Amino acid sequence: MRNIHKKIEIASNIAIITVALLFGSVLVSRYLLPASTPKPVAVEDDGITAGTKLPLADVDWSKSDKTLLLVLSTTCRYCTESTPFYQKLVQQKAGRGNVRLIAVMPQSINEAQRYLSEHKISIDEVRQASLNTINVRGTPTLIVVDRTGAVVQSWAGKLPPEKETEVVQQFSVNAPAVSLP
């Protein structure tokens, strides 16, 4: 009988140690190791390719040479983290009558306008549309559209500085290349 109690005690100690190690590894991986930053999704994966006409109803693309669509969501962490870049875009756009900024968001227009206002992002127009309507899988997504409604270029995800510069250069073709700090 004593032998059985000893075996049960050893087995339970091993089980306790195993559970403690598993729990410890989960805690270490979750709270101590750096989180991996997701890479932006390739544009081709989003179904947005150059030359594609965007099915966004009632937008008169001919009002400007280029339109930059900011496809955002009020619940998107990366959209909020990217607001300093969007503020710089608004500043770069100032004085360029041939470029228009349109925010496309799945939330109501009032909620979208409140979000943009809170983050000091001044947009020419705000549209409510589901992401599927314009073949976008996630936010943030930026899409440059020409005066015919055809996609010129697009970017998905939180952009690194070199991609931010690409975006600025796309809508300031006639201006010298601009580098963002």
Protein backbone atom coordinates (compact mmCIF):
# COMPACT_ATOMS: atom_id res chain seq x y z
CA MET A 1 0.00 0.00 0.00
CA ARG A 2 2.82 2.32 0.84
CA ASN A 3 4.30 1.69 -2.61
CA ILE A 4 1.07 2.73 -4.35
CA HIS A 5 0.89 5.99 -2.34
CA LYS A 6 4.47 6.77 -3.31
CA LYS A 7 3.72 6.17 -7.03
CA ILE A 8 0.60 8.35 -6.88
CA GLU A 9 2.57 11.10 -5.16
CA ILE A 10 5.33 10.97 -7.82
CA ALA A 11 2.76 10.95 -10.67
CA SER A 12 0.87 13.92 -9.21
CA ASN A 13 4.13 15.86 -8.71
CA ILE A 14 5.08 15.22 -12.35
CA ALA A 15 1.62 16.35 -13.48
CA ILE A 16 1.84 19.53 -11.38
CA ILE A 17 5.30 20.34 -12.75
CA THR A 18 4.14 19.72 -16.35
CA VAL A 19 1.10 21.99 -15.95
CA ALA A 20 3.25 24.67 -14.29
CA LEU A 21 5.78 24.55 -17.17
CA LEU A 22 3.04 24.81 -19.80
CA PHE A 23 1.37 27.69 -17.98
CA GLY A 24 4.73 29.43 -17.53
CA SER A 25 5.59 29.09 -21.23
CA VAL A 26 2.22 30.58 -22.21
CA LEU A 27 2.77 33.53 -19.87
CA VAL A 28 6.32 34.10 -21.13
CA SER A 29 5.30 33.96 -24.79
CA ARG A 30 2.31 36.24 -24.25
CA TYR A 31 3.79 38.89 -21.97
CA LEU A 32 7.57 38.80 -22.20
CA LEU A 33 8.39 38.03 -25.82
CA PRO A 34 7.93 40.86 -28.35
CA ALA A 35 4.74 40.63 -30.37
CA SER A 36 5.26 40.01 -34.04
CA THR A 37 3.97 42.83 -36.21
CA PRO A 38 1.78 41.54 -39.02
CA LYS A 39 3.09 42.44 -42.44
CA PRO A 40 0.84 44.38 -44.78
CA VAL A 41 -1.23 42.14 -47.00
CA ALA A 42 -0.15 42.13 -50.62
CA VAL A 43 -2.49 44.21 -52.74
CA GLU A 44 -3.07 41.34 -55.16
CA ASP A 45 -4.42 39.27 -52.26
CA ASP A 46 -7.07 41.92 -51.66
CA GLY A 47 -8.48 41.64 -55.17
CA ILE A 48 -7.47 45.23 -55.89
CA THR A 49 -5.31 45.34 -58.97
CA ALA A 50 -4.21 48.31 -61.05
CA GLY A 51 -6.79 49.15 -63.69
CA THR A 52 -9.72 47.68 -61.74
CA LYS A 53 -12.76 49.95 -61.64
CA LEU A 54 -13.98 50.53 -58.10
CA PRO A 55 -17.68 49.83 -57.58
CA LEU A 56 -18.30 52.75 -55.22
CA ALA A 57 -21.71 54.18 -56.04
CA ASP A 58 -22.31 57.87 -56.67
CA VAL A 59 -18.66 58.94 -56.65
CA ASP A 60 -17.80 61.34 -59.45
CA TRP A 61 -14.18 60.35 -60.06
CA SER A 62 -13.78 63.08 -62.69
CA LYS A 63 -13.90 65.80 -59.99
CA SER A 64 -10.15 65.39 -59.48
CA ASP A 65 -7.13 63.99 -61.28
CA LYS A 66 -6.56 61.48 -58.48
CA THR A 67 -8.57 60.37 -55.50
CA LEU A 68 -7.02 58.74 -52.47
CA LEU A 69 -9.43 56.40 -50.70
CA LEU A 70 -8.65 55.73 -47.07
CA VAL A 71 -10.49 52.53 -46.21
CA LEU A 72 -10.59 52.61 -42.42
CA SER A 73 -12.58 51.37 -39.46
CA THR A 74 -13.17 52.94 -36.08
CA THR A 75 -12.38 49.56 -34.49
CA CYS A 76 -9.09 49.06 -36.36
CA ARG A 77 -6.02 49.35 -34.14
CA TYR A 78 -3.70 49.85 -37.13
CA CYS A 79 -5.93 52.63 -38.50
CA THR A 80 -5.64 54.48 -35.21
CA GLU A 81 -1.87 53.88 -35.02
CA SER A 82 -1.56 55.28 -38.57
CA THR A 83 -3.39 58.56 -37.84
CA PRO A 84 -0.16 60.64 -37.73
CA PHE A 85 0.53 59.54 -41.31
CA TYR A 86 -3.04 60.39 -42.40
CA GLN A 87 -2.64 63.82 -40.82
CA LYS A 88 0.55 64.31 -42.87
CA LEU A 89 -1.33 63.24 -46.00
CA VAL A 90 -3.95 65.92 -45.33
CA GLN A 91 -1.19 68.53 -44.90
CA GLN A 92 0.57 67.41 -48.10
CA LYS A 93 -2.71 67.56 -50.00
CA ALA A 94 -3.44 71.14 -48.90
CA GLY A 95 -3.26 73.47 -51.86
CA ARG A 96 -3.47 70.69 -54.46
CA GLY A 97 -6.87 71.05 -56.09
CA ASN A 98 -6.34 68.01 -58.30
CA VAL A 99 -6.35 65.51 -55.40
CA ARG A 100 -9.32 64.42 -53.32
CA LEU A 101 -9.36 62.38 -50.11
CA ILE A 102 -12.31 60.10 -49.43
CA ALA A 103 -12.69 57.99 -46.32
CA VAL A 104 -14.60 54.75 -46.83
CA MET A 105 -15.69 53.13 -43.59
CA PRO A 106 -18.12 50.35 -42.63
CA GLN A 107 -19.51 52.42 -39.73
CA SER A 108 -22.25 55.03 -40.09
CA ILE A 109 -21.19 58.33 -41.63
CA ASN A 110 -21.77 60.17 -38.32
CA GLU A 111 -19.61 57.70 -36.42
CA ALA A 112 -16.94 57.84 -39.14
CA GLN A 113 -16.90 61.65 -39.14
CA ARG A 114 -16.62 61.69 -35.34
CA TYR A 115 -13.67 59.26 -35.49
CA LEU A 116 -11.89 61.32 -38.17
CA SER A 117 -12.54 64.55 -36.28
CA GLU A 118 -11.21 63.09 -33.00
CA HIS A 119 -8.01 62.11 -34.83
CA LYS A 120 -7.77 65.48 -36.63
CA ILE A 121 -8.01 63.96 -40.11
CA SER A 122 -9.71 66.39 -42.46
CA ILE A 123 -11.28 64.47 -45.35
CA ASP A 124 -13.07 65.85 -48.41
CA GLU A 125 -15.79 63.21 -48.28
CA VAL A 126 -16.84 60.30 -46.05
CA ARG A 127 -18.62 57.25 -47.44
CA GLN A 128 -20.19 54.29 -45.72
CA ALA A 129 -19.63 50.98 -47.50
CA SER A 130 -18.92 47.43 -46.54
CA LEU A 131 -15.37 46.36 -47.30
CA ASN A 132 -16.62 43.56 -49.55
CA THR A 133 -18.33 46.11 -51.78
CA ILE A 134 -14.96 47.49 -52.88
CA ASN A 135 -13.07 44.16 -52.71
CA VAL A 136 -11.09 45.10 -49.60
CA ARG A 137 -10.42 42.43 -46.98
CA GLY A 138 -9.01 44.54 -44.17
CA THR A 139 -8.23 47.96 -42.82
CA PRO A 140 -6.36 50.16 -43.23
CA THR A 141 -6.19 50.05 -47.01
CA LEU A 142 -5.22 53.03 -49.17
CA ILE A 143 -6.26 53.15 -52.83
CA VAL A 144 -5.26 55.73 -55.42
CA VAL A 145 -7.91 56.05 -58.13
CA ASP A 146 -7.68 58.06 -61.37
CA ARG A 147 -10.36 60.30 -62.84
CA THR A 148 -12.05 57.32 -64.56
CA GLY A 149 -12.45 55.36 -61.32
CA ALA A 150 -9.65 52.92 -62.13
CA VAL A 151 -7.23 51.83 -59.41
CA VAL A 152 -3.73 53.22 -59.93
CA GLN A 153 -2.13 51.65 -56.87
CA SER A 154 -3.06 50.41 -53.41
CA TRP A 155 -1.51 49.51 -50.08
CA ALA A 156 -2.86 47.43 -47.20
CA GLY A 157 -1.97 47.38 -43.53
CA LYS A 158 0.04 49.73 -41.38
CA LEU A 159 2.65 51.12 -43.74
CA PRO A 160 6.37 51.38 -43.07
CA PRO A 161 7.95 54.81 -43.78
CA GLU A 162 9.12 53.93 -47.31
CA LYS A 163 5.58 52.90 -48.31
CA GLU A 164 4.17 56.08 -46.77
CA THR A 165 6.52 58.03 -49.03
CA GLU A 166 5.23 56.03 -52.02
CA VAL A 167 1.67 57.04 -51.17
CA VAL A 168 2.56 60.73 -50.94
CA GLN A 169 4.44 60.56 -54.25
CA GLN A 170 1.46 58.94 -55.97
CA PHE A 171 -0.81 61.89 -55.39
CA SER A 172 1.83 64.56 -55.81
CA VAL A 173 3.07 63.53 -59.25
CA ASN A 174 3.66 67.11 -60.37
CA ALA A 175 5.41 68.02 -57.16
CA PRO A 176 8.96 67.06 -56.22
CA ALA A 177 9.37 63.82 -54.29
CA VAL A 178 8.47 64.30 -50.66
CA SER A 179 10.06 62.37 -47.87
CA LEU A 180 8.27 62.00 -44.59
CA PRO A 181 10.24 62.21 -41.34
